[in-house]
Amino acid sequence: MTGQFEPDDEYRRRQRSRNIVVGLILTGFAVLFFAITIAKMGQH
């Protein structure tokens, strides 16, 4: 046993899916903050 981890295709697929979900969540938060900012500016 060398102690090195060799990811298989299934692991890489799950990791990619997880990264896509995290990216979408971060993008959603950015859009939400943008929309709130625009709405607050429109009230003045």
PDB file of N, CA and C in Angstrom:
ATOM      1  N   MET A   1       0.847  -1.187   0.000  1.00  0.00           N
ATOM      2  CA  MET A   1       0.000   0.000   0.000  1.00  0.00           C
ATOM      3  C   MET A   1       0.888   1.244   0.000  1.00  0.00           C
ATOM      4  N   THR A   2       0.728   2.087  -0.988  1.00  0.00           N
ATOM      5  CA  THR A   2       1.585   3.260  -1.138  1.00  0.00           C
ATOM      6  C   THR A   2       1.049   4.481  -0.413  1.00  0.00           C
ATOM      7  N   GLY A   3      -0.214   4.459  -0.025  1.00  0.00           N
ATOM      8  CA  GLY A   3      -0.797   5.593   0.669  1.00  0.00           C
ATOM      9  C   GLY A   3      -1.319   6.677  -0.257  1.00  0.00           C
ATOM     10  N   GLN A   4      -1.219   6.454  -1.561  1.00  0.00           N
ATOM     11  CA  GLN A   4      -1.743   7.428  -2.508  1.00  0.00           C
ATOM     12  C   GLN A   4      -3.142   7.017  -2.934  1.00  0.00           C
ATOM     13  N   PHE A   5      -4.001   8.020  -3.058  1.00  0.00           N
ATOM     14  CA  PHE A   5      -5.382   7.759  -3.463  1.00  0.00           C
ATOM     15  C   PHE A   5      -5.508   7.976  -4.956  1.00  0.00           C
ATOM     16  N   GLU A   6      -5.990   6.975  -5.645  1.00  0.00           N
ATOM     17  CA  GLU A   6      -6.202   7.089  -7.091  1.00  0.00           C
ATOM     18  C   GLU A   6      -7.703   7.099  -7.352  1.00  0.00           C
ATOM     19  N   PRO A   7      -8.248   8.271  -7.676  1.00  0.00           N
ATOM     20  CA  PRO A   7      -9.698   8.352  -7.888  1.00  0.00           C
ATOM     21  C   PRO A   7     -10.128   7.605  -9.148  1.00  0.00           C
ATOM     22  N   ASP A   8     -11.225   6.904  -9.033  1.00  0.00           N
ATOM     23  CA  ASP A   8     -11.766   6.199 -10.188  1.00  0.00           C
ATOM     24  C   ASP A   8     -12.770   7.094 -10.906  1.00  0.00           C
ATOM     25  N   ASP A   9     -13.341   6.588 -11.976  1.00  0.00           N
ATOM     26  CA  ASP A   9     -14.265   7.381 -12.788  1.00  0.00           C
ATOM     27  C   ASP A   9     -15.511   7.789 -12.011  1.00  0.00           C
ATOM     28  N   GLU A  10     -16.015   6.887 -11.168  1.00  0.00           N
ATOM     29  CA  GLU A  10     -17.216   7.186 -10.382  1.00  0.00           C
ATOM     30  C   GLU A  10     -16.947   8.334  -9.417  1.00  0.00           C
ATOM     31  N   TYR A  11     -15.799   8.300  -8.759  1.00  0.00           N
ATOM     32  CA  TYR A  11     -15.434   9.370  -7.822  1.00  0.00           C
ATOM     33  C   TYR A  11     -15.333  10.709  -8.548  1.00  0.00           C
ATOM     34  N   ARG A  12     -14.679  10.706  -9.699  1.00  0.00           N
ATOM     35  CA  ARG A  12     -14.535  11.948 -10.464  1.00  0.00           C
ATOM     36  C   ARG A  12     -15.879  12.468 -10.941  1.00  0.00           C
ATOM     37  N   ARG A  13     -16.784  11.570 -11.332  1.00  0.00           N
ATOM     38  CA  ARG A  13     -18.113  11.990 -11.779  1.00  0.00           C
ATOM     39  C   ARG A  13     -18.885  12.638 -10.630  1.00  0.00           C
ATOM     40  N   ARG A  14     -18.825  12.023  -9.442  1.00  0.00           N
ATOM     41  CA  ARG A  14     -19.526  12.592  -8.282  1.00  0.00           C
ATOM     42  C   ARG A  14     -18.905  13.925  -7.867  1.00  0.00           C
ATOM     43  N   GLN A  15     -17.576  14.004  -7.934  1.00  0.00           N
ATOM     44  CA  GLN A  15     -16.900  15.249  -7.576  1.00  0.00           C
ATOM     45  C   GLN A  15     -17.298  16.367  -8.544  1.00  0.00           C
ATOM     46  N   ARG A  16     -17.372  16.048  -9.828  1.00  0.00           N
ATOM     47  CA  ARG A  16     -17.771  17.047 -10.825  1.00  0.00           C
ATOM     48  C   ARG A  16     -19.214  17.488 -10.591  1.00  0.00           C
ATOM     49  N   SER A  17     -20.095  16.547 -10.298  1.00  0.00           N
ATOM     50  CA  SER A  17     -21.491  16.896 -10.032  1.00  0.00           C
ATOM     51  C   SER A  17     -21.592  17.815  -8.816  1.00  0.00           C
ATOM     52  N   ARG A  18     -20.834  17.506  -7.780  1.00  0.00           N
ATOM     53  CA  ARG A  18     -20.850  18.317  -6.568  1.00  0.00           C
ATOM     54  C   ARG A  18     -20.326  19.724  -6.859  1.00  0.00           C
ATOM     55  N   ASN A  19     -19.271  19.818  -7.651  1.00  0.00           N
ATOM     56  CA  ASN A  19     -18.718  21.122  -7.993  1.00  0.00           C
ATOM     57  C   ASN A  19     -19.715  21.953  -8.789  1.00  0.00           C
ATOM     58  N   ILE A  20     -20.447  21.309  -9.689  1.00  0.00           N
ATOM     59  CA  ILE A  20     -21.460  22.027 -10.479  1.00  0.00           C
ATOM     60  C   ILE A  20     -22.556  22.559  -9.560  1.00  0.00           C
ATOM     61  N   VAL A  21     -22.998  21.750  -8.615  1.00  0.00           N
ATOM     62  CA  VAL A  21     -24.049  22.183  -7.682  1.00  0.00           C
ATOM     63  C   VAL A  21     -23.569  23.364  -6.847  1.00  0.00           C
ATOM     64  N   VAL A  22     -22.351  23.299  -6.331  1.00  0.00           N
ATOM     65  CA  VAL A  22     -21.807  24.398  -5.530  1.00  0.00           C
ATOM     66  C   VAL A  22     -21.707  25.666  -6.381  1.00  0.00           C
ATOM     67  N   GLY A  23     -21.270  25.524  -7.619  1.00  0.00           N
ATOM     68  CA  GLY A  23     -21.189  26.672  -8.523  1.00  0.00           C
ATOM     69  C   GLY A  23     -22.544  27.299  -8.771  1.00  0.00           C
ATOM     70  N   LEU A  24     -23.559  26.462  -8.971  1.00  0.00           N
ATOM     71  CA  LEU A  24     -24.911  26.982  -9.193  1.00  0.00           C
ATOM     72  C   LEU A  24     -25.439  27.695  -7.954  1.00  0.00           C
ATOM     73  N   ILE A  25     -25.156  27.165  -6.782  1.00  0.00           N
ATOM     74  CA  ILE A  25     -25.601  27.807  -5.541  1.00  0.00           C
ATOM     75  C   ILE A  25     -24.933  29.171  -5.380  1.00  0.00           C
ATOM     76  N   LEU A  26     -23.629  29.227  -5.634  1.00  0.00           N
ATOM     77  CA  LEU A  26     -22.918  30.508  -5.517  1.00  0.00           C
ATOM     78  C   LEU A  26     -23.446  31.519  -6.533  1.00  0.00           C
ATOM     79  N   THR A  27     -23.716  31.060  -7.739  1.00  0.00           N
ATOM     80  CA  THR A  27     -24.276  31.943  -8.762  1.00  0.00           C
ATOM     81  C   THR A  27     -25.656  32.438  -8.341  1.00  0.00           C
ATOM     82  N   GLY A  28     -26.453  31.560  -7.764  1.00  0.00           N
ATOM     83  CA  GLY A  28     -27.776  31.939  -7.281  1.00  0.00           C
ATOM     84  C   GLY A  28     -27.706  33.011  -6.205  1.00  0.00           C
ATOM     85  N   PHE A  29     -26.746  32.861  -5.271  1.00  0.00           N
ATOM     86  CA  PHE A  29     -26.578  33.877  -4.239  1.00  0.00           C
ATOM     87  C   PHE A  29     -26.162  35.217  -4.844  1.00  0.00           C
ATOM     88  N   ALA A  30     -25.271  35.184  -5.822  1.00  0.00           N
ATOM     89  CA  ALA A  30     -24.825  36.423  -6.468  1.00  0.00           C
ATOM     90  C   ALA A  30     -25.999  37.120  -7.145  1.00  0.00           C
ATOM     91  N   VAL A  31     -26.826  36.354  -7.848  1.00  0.00           N
ATOM     92  CA  VAL A  31     -28.001  36.925  -8.512  1.00  0.00           C
ATOM     93  C   VAL A  31     -28.984  37.474  -7.474  1.00  0.00           C
ATOM     94  N   LEU A  32     -29.163  36.755  -6.380  1.00  0.00           N
ATOM     95  CA  LEU A  32     -30.064  37.208  -5.322  1.00  0.00           C
ATOM     96  C   LEU A  32     -29.598  38.537  -4.732  1.00  0.00           C
ATOM     97  N   PHE A  33     -28.319  38.637  -4.398  1.00  0.00           N
ATOM     98  CA  PHE A  33     -27.803  39.890  -3.850  1.00  0.00           C
ATOM     99  C   PHE A  33     -27.927  41.032  -4.851  1.00  0.00           C
ATOM    100  N   PHE A  34     -27.675  40.737  -6.116  1.00  0.00           N
ATOM    101  CA  PHE A  34     -27.816  41.751  -7.159  1.00  0.00           C
ATOM    102  C   PHE A  34     -29.257  42.241  -7.232  1.00  0.00           C
ATOM    103  N   ALA A  35     -30.208  41.311  -7.226  1.00  0.00           N
ATOM    104  CA  ALA A  35     -31.623  41.677  -7.307  1.00  0.00           C
ATOM    105  C   ALA A  35     -32.052  42.497  -6.093  1.00  0.00           C
ATOM    106  N   ILE A  36     -31.586  42.116  -4.908  1.00  0.00           N
ATOM    107  CA  ILE A  36     -31.938  42.869  -3.704  1.00  0.00           C
ATOM    108  C   ILE A  36     -31.370  44.276  -3.779  1.00  0.00           C
ATOM    109  N   THR A  37     -30.127  44.393  -4.251  1.00  0.00           N
ATOM    110  CA  THR A  37     -29.501  45.711  -4.378  1.00  0.00           C
ATOM    111  C   THR A  37     -30.281  46.593  -5.340  1.00  0.00           C
ATOM    112  N   ILE A  38     -30.659  46.043  -6.487  1.00  0.00           N
ATOM    113  CA  ILE A  38     -31.422  46.817  -7.471  1.00  0.00           C
ATOM    114  C   ILE A  38     -32.781  47.227  -6.886  1.00  0.00           C
ATOM    115  N   ALA A  39     -33.428  46.323  -6.173  1.00  0.00           N
ATOM    116  CA  ALA A  39     -34.732  46.635  -5.580  1.00  0.00           C
ATOM    117  C   ALA A  39     -34.618  47.740  -4.538  1.00  0.00           C
ATOM    118  N   LYS A  40     -33.559  47.712  -3.714  1.00  0.00           N
ATOM    119  CA  LYS A  40     -33.384  48.749  -2.709  1.00  0.00           C
ATOM    120  C   LYS A  40     -33.065  50.089  -3.350  1.00  0.00           C
ATOM    121  N   MET A  41     -32.304  50.093  -4.436  1.00  0.00           N
ATOM    122  CA  MET A  41     -31.989  51.338  -5.119  1.00  0.00           C
ATOM    123  C   MET A  41     -33.243  51.917  -5.770  1.00  0.00           C
ATOM    124  N   GLY A  42     -34.142  51.068  -6.204  1.00  0.00           N
ATOM    125  CA  GLY A  42     -35.364  51.530  -6.847  1.00  0.00           C
ATOM    126  C   GLY A  42     -36.351  52.179  -5.890  1.00  0.00           C
ATOM    127  N   GLN A  43     -36.237  51.899  -4.610  1.00  0.00           N
ATOM    128  CA  GLN A  43     -37.158  52.444  -3.626  1.00  0.00           C
ATOM    129  C   GLN A  43     -36.861  53.901  -3.313  1.00  0.00           C
ATOM    130  N   HIS A  44     -35.665  54.371  -3.557  1.00  0.00           N
ATOM    131  CA  HIS A  44     -35.257  55.741  -3.193  1.00  0.00           C
ATOM    132  C   HIS A  44     -35.641  56.728  -4.256  1.00  0.00           C
TER     133      HIS A  44
END
